[in-house]
N, C-alpha and C. Protein backbone atom coordinates (compact mmCIF):
# COMPACT_ATOMS: atom_id res chain seq x y z
N MET A 1 -2.49 6.37 17.43
CA MET A 1 -3.09 5.92 16.07
C MET A 1 -2.76 4.65 15.36
N SER A 2 -3.81 3.98 14.70
CA SER A 2 -3.40 2.76 14.28
C SER A 2 -2.64 2.59 13.16
N ARG A 3 -2.09 1.46 12.82
CA ARG A 3 -1.26 1.53 11.47
C ARG A 3 -2.37 1.45 10.18
N ALA A 4 -1.44 2.10 9.08
CA ALA A 4 -2.42 2.07 7.91
C ALA A 4 -1.71 1.04 6.84
N LEU A 5 -2.91 -0.28 6.87
CA LEU A 5 -2.16 -0.98 6.00
C LEU A 5 -2.60 -0.89 4.27
N TYR A 6 -1.95 -0.28 3.65
CA TYR A 6 -2.16 -0.44 1.97
C TYR A 6 -2.18 -1.78 1.80
N VAL A 7 -3.39 -2.33 1.13
CA VAL A 7 -3.12 -3.63 0.61
C VAL A 7 -3.66 -3.73 -1.44
N VAL A 8 -2.66 -3.86 -1.87
CA VAL A 8 -2.61 -4.23 -3.56
C VAL A 8 -3.96 -5.26 -3.67
N ILE A 9 -4.57 -5.77 -4.28
CA ILE A 9 -5.89 -6.32 -4.95
C ILE A 9 -6.40 -6.31 -6.38
N GLN A 10 -6.42 -7.82 -6.44
CA GLN A 10 -7.13 -7.95 -7.87
C GLN A 10 -8.40 -8.38 -8.15
N SER A 11 -9.34 -7.38 -8.58
CA SER A 11 -10.48 -7.94 -8.25
C SER A 11 -11.18 -7.37 -9.92
N GLN A 12 -12.06 -8.38 -10.57
CA GLN A 12 -12.75 -7.99 -12.00
C GLN A 12 -11.60 -7.84 -12.92
N GLN A 13 -10.40 -8.23 -12.53
CA GLN A 13 -9.34 -8.37 -14.25
C GLN A 13 -8.41 -6.69 -13.57
N ASN A 14 -8.87 -6.26 -12.96
CA ASN A 14 -7.72 -4.92 -12.62
C ASN A 14 -7.46 -5.13 -11.22
N TRP A 15 -6.60 -4.01 -10.86
CA TRP A 15 -5.90 -3.96 -9.56
C TRP A 15 -6.23 -2.69 -8.79
N TRP A 16 -6.34 -2.70 -7.81
CA TRP A 16 -6.66 -1.98 -6.49
C TRP A 16 -5.62 -1.80 -5.53
N VAL A 17 -5.87 -0.32 -4.99
CA VAL A 17 -5.04 -0.55 -3.69
C VAL A 17 -5.93 -0.34 -2.61
N ASP A 18 -6.11 -1.05 -1.61
CA ASP A 18 -7.42 -0.85 -0.38
C ASP A 18 -7.00 -0.25 1.06
N LEU A 19 -7.23 0.54 1.51
CA LEU A 19 -7.16 1.10 2.61
C LEU A 19 -8.12 0.86 3.82
N GLU A 20 -8.62 0.51 4.39
CA GLU A 20 -10.16 0.44 5.45
C GLU A 20 -11.45 0.28 4.40
N GLY A 21 -10.91 -0.79 3.68
CA GLY A 21 -12.03 -0.50 2.75
C GLY A 21 -12.39 0.38 1.78
N LYS A 22 -11.60 1.65 1.48
CA LYS A 22 -11.99 2.16 0.58
C LYS A 22 -10.75 1.44 -0.33
N ALA A 23 -11.24 1.72 -1.78
CA ALA A 23 -10.77 1.07 -2.90
C ALA A 23 -10.05 2.49 -3.79
N HIS A 24 -8.62 2.23 -4.01
CA HIS A 24 -8.15 3.30 -5.17
C HIS A 24 -7.84 2.74 -6.26
N GLY A 25 -8.16 3.02 -7.18
CA GLY A 25 -7.94 2.60 -8.74
C GLY A 25 -9.46 2.82 -9.68
N PRO A 26 -9.57 1.78 -10.55
CA PRO A 26 -8.48 0.50 -11.26
C PRO A 26 -7.28 0.89 -11.77
N PHE A 27 -6.18 0.19 -11.66
CA PHE A 27 -5.13 0.27 -12.33
C PHE A 27 -4.85 -1.15 -13.19
N ALA A 28 -4.20 -0.71 -14.17
CA ALA A 28 -4.02 -1.81 -15.42
C ALA A 28 -3.00 -3.00 -14.97
N SER A 29 -2.41 -2.91 -14.30
CA SER A 29 -1.21 -3.67 -13.71
C SER A 29 -0.81 -3.60 -12.23
N LEU A 30 -0.32 -4.65 -11.99
CA LEU A 30 0.29 -4.72 -10.09
C LEU A 30 1.18 -3.65 -9.91
N GLU A 31 2.04 -3.41 -11.05
CA GLU A 31 3.28 -2.18 -10.88
C GLU A 31 2.51 -1.24 -10.64
N ALA A 32 1.45 -1.15 -11.39
CA ALA A 32 1.17 0.69 -11.60
C ALA A 32 0.54 0.66 -9.90
N ALA A 33 -0.44 -0.32 -9.44
CA ALA A 33 -1.16 -0.45 -8.17
C ALA A 33 0.49 -0.32 -7.41
N THR A 34 1.29 -1.03 -7.45
CA THR A 34 2.18 -0.87 -5.98
C THR A 34 2.79 0.19 -6.01
N GLU A 35 2.79 0.82 -7.32
CA GLU A 35 3.71 2.55 -7.11
C GLU A 35 2.82 3.65 -6.43
N GLU A 36 1.46 3.47 -6.91
CA GLU A 36 0.15 4.27 -6.43
C GLU A 36 0.23 3.86 -4.84
N GLY A 37 0.00 2.54 -4.45
CA GLY A 37 -0.16 2.38 -2.93
C GLY A 37 1.08 2.93 -2.07
N ARG A 38 2.44 2.68 -2.84
CA ARG A 38 3.90 3.15 -2.08
C ARG A 38 3.61 4.83 -2.05
N GLN A 39 3.08 5.61 -2.69
CA GLN A 39 2.89 6.81 -2.74
C GLN A 39 2.25 7.24 -1.47
N LEU A 40 0.59 6.34 -1.94
CA LEU A 40 -0.35 7.00 -0.53
C LEU A 40 0.12 6.48 1.10
N ALA A 41 0.95 5.63 1.10
CA ALA A 41 1.61 5.08 2.54
C ALA A 41 2.48 6.17 2.31
N ARG A 42 3.45 6.68 1.52
CA ARG A 42 4.54 7.90 1.81
C ARG A 42 3.64 8.87 2.77
N LEU A 43 2.38 9.55 1.99
CA LEU A 43 1.44 10.50 2.57
C LEU A 43 0.91 10.26 3.85
N ALA A 44 0.62 9.20 4.42
CA ALA A 44 0.30 8.84 5.21
C ALA A 44 1.49 8.81 6.57
N ALA A 45 2.54 8.27 6.07
CA ALA A 45 3.83 8.15 7.08
C ALA A 45 3.75 10.12 7.38
N HIS A 46 4.16 10.69 6.09
CA HIS A 46 4.14 12.12 6.15
C HIS A 46 3.09 12.73 7.41
N ALA A 47 2.18 12.47 7.25
CA ALA A 47 1.05 12.98 7.88
C ALA A 47 1.45 12.69 9.82
N GLY A 48 2.17 11.75 10.00
CA GLY A 48 2.53 10.91 11.19
C GLY A 48 1.69 9.92 11.45
N ARG A 49 1.33 8.98 10.30
CA ARG A 49 0.90 7.45 10.44
C ARG A 49 1.51 6.47 10.17
N VAL A 50 2.31 5.79 11.05
CA VAL A 50 3.04 4.00 10.39
C VAL A 50 2.15 3.64 9.65
N SER A 51 2.89 2.97 8.45
CA SER A 51 2.18 2.60 7.41
C SER A 51 2.93 1.40 6.35
N GLU A 52 1.97 0.71 5.93
CA GLU A 52 2.84 -0.68 4.96
C GLU A 52 2.20 -0.47 4.30
N LEU A 53 2.84 -1.07 3.39
CA LEU A 53 2.56 -1.63 1.55
C LEU A 53 2.52 -3.01 1.60
N LEU A 54 1.53 -3.74 1.34
CA LEU A 54 1.30 -5.29 0.84
C LEU A 54 0.97 -5.95 -0.14
N ILE A 55 1.60 -6.43 -0.88
CA ILE A 55 1.09 -7.19 -2.63
C ILE A 55 1.81 -8.64 -2.63
N PRO A 56 0.58 -9.23 -3.19
CA PRO A 56 0.34 -10.57 -3.63
C PRO A 56 1.44 -11.12 -4.29
N ASP A 57 1.93 -12.07 -3.73
CA ASP A 57 3.25 -12.83 -4.78
C ASP A 57 2.31 -13.84 -5.95
N GLU A 58 2.55 -14.55 -6.74
CA GLU A 58 2.04 -15.31 -7.73
C GLU A 58 1.06 -16.53 -6.71
N ARG A 59 1.56 -16.77 -5.92
CA ARG A 59 0.41 -17.71 -5.28
C ARG A 59 -0.73 -17.07 -3.95
N GLY A 60 -0.75 -15.88 -3.98
CA GLY A 60 -1.61 -15.22 -3.45
C GLY A 60 -1.27 -14.40 -1.86
N ARG A 61 -0.01 -14.89 -1.50
CA ARG A 61 0.50 -14.62 -0.58
C ARG A 61 1.29 -13.33 -0.58
N TYR A 62 0.52 -12.64 0.88
CA TYR A 62 0.85 -11.46 0.79
C TYR A 62 1.99 -11.07 1.36
N SER A 63 3.26 -9.80 1.32
CA SER A 63 4.31 -9.86 1.59
C SER A 63 4.13 -8.15 2.08
N VAL A 64 5.22 -7.39 3.04
CA VAL A 64 4.96 -6.04 3.09
C VAL A 64 6.61 -5.77 2.19
N VAL A 65 6.22 -4.54 1.23
CA VAL A 65 7.65 -4.24 0.33
C VAL A 65 7.47 -3.07 0.69
N TRP A 66 7.22 -2.10 0.95
CA TRP A 66 7.19 -1.05 1.80
C TRP A 66 6.70 -0.52 3.49
N ALA A 67 7.57 0.03 3.95
CA ALA A 67 7.11 0.66 4.93
C ALA A 67 7.70 1.47 6.04
N SER A 68 6.99 2.32 6.34
CA SER A 68 7.43 3.38 6.71
C SER A 68 8.58 3.41 8.19
N GLU A 69 8.55 2.76 8.61
CA GLU A 69 9.44 2.63 9.71
C GLU A 69 10.84 2.19 9.42
N ASN A 70 10.92 1.76 7.92
CA ASN A 70 12.19 1.61 7.22
C ASN A 70 12.75 2.96 6.51
N GLU A 71 11.57 3.88 6.47
CA GLU A 71 12.58 5.26 5.46
C GLU A 71 12.92 5.98 6.82
N PRO A 72 14.25 6.69 5.99
CA PRO A 72 15.09 7.46 6.61
C PRO A 72 14.09 8.85 7.32
N HIS A 73 13.18 9.37 6.52
CA HIS A 73 12.83 10.66 6.68
C HIS A 73 11.28 10.70 7.17
N SER A 74 10.84 9.21 7.66
CA SER A 74 9.57 9.35 7.78
C SER A 74 9.41 10.01 9.10
N SER A 75 8.30 10.78 9.64
CA SER A 75 7.73 11.03 10.59
C SER A 75 6.92 10.27 11.60
N ALA A 76 6.61 9.23 10.77
CA ALA A 76 5.61 8.35 11.71
C ALA A 76 6.66 7.49 12.68
N ALA A 77 6.01 7.29 13.86
CA ALA A 77 6.85 6.52 15.00
C ALA A 77 6.11 5.34 15.39
């Protein structure tokens, strides 16, 4: 199974969590979208899928802020 990459994006003055072209949201803030993305990534990990959450910094560069591989109780391999 492929890695699930949850990506927080900003569009039309709202924040969204994207997974494989499906957007979840909108959210009023980066923080709210990040928390939702973290929860979605955890759900995927509990279902056995390796997952990561990426968010942009102030320059628009993305970095991983949560990864199932770093979670001690993750069932994803």
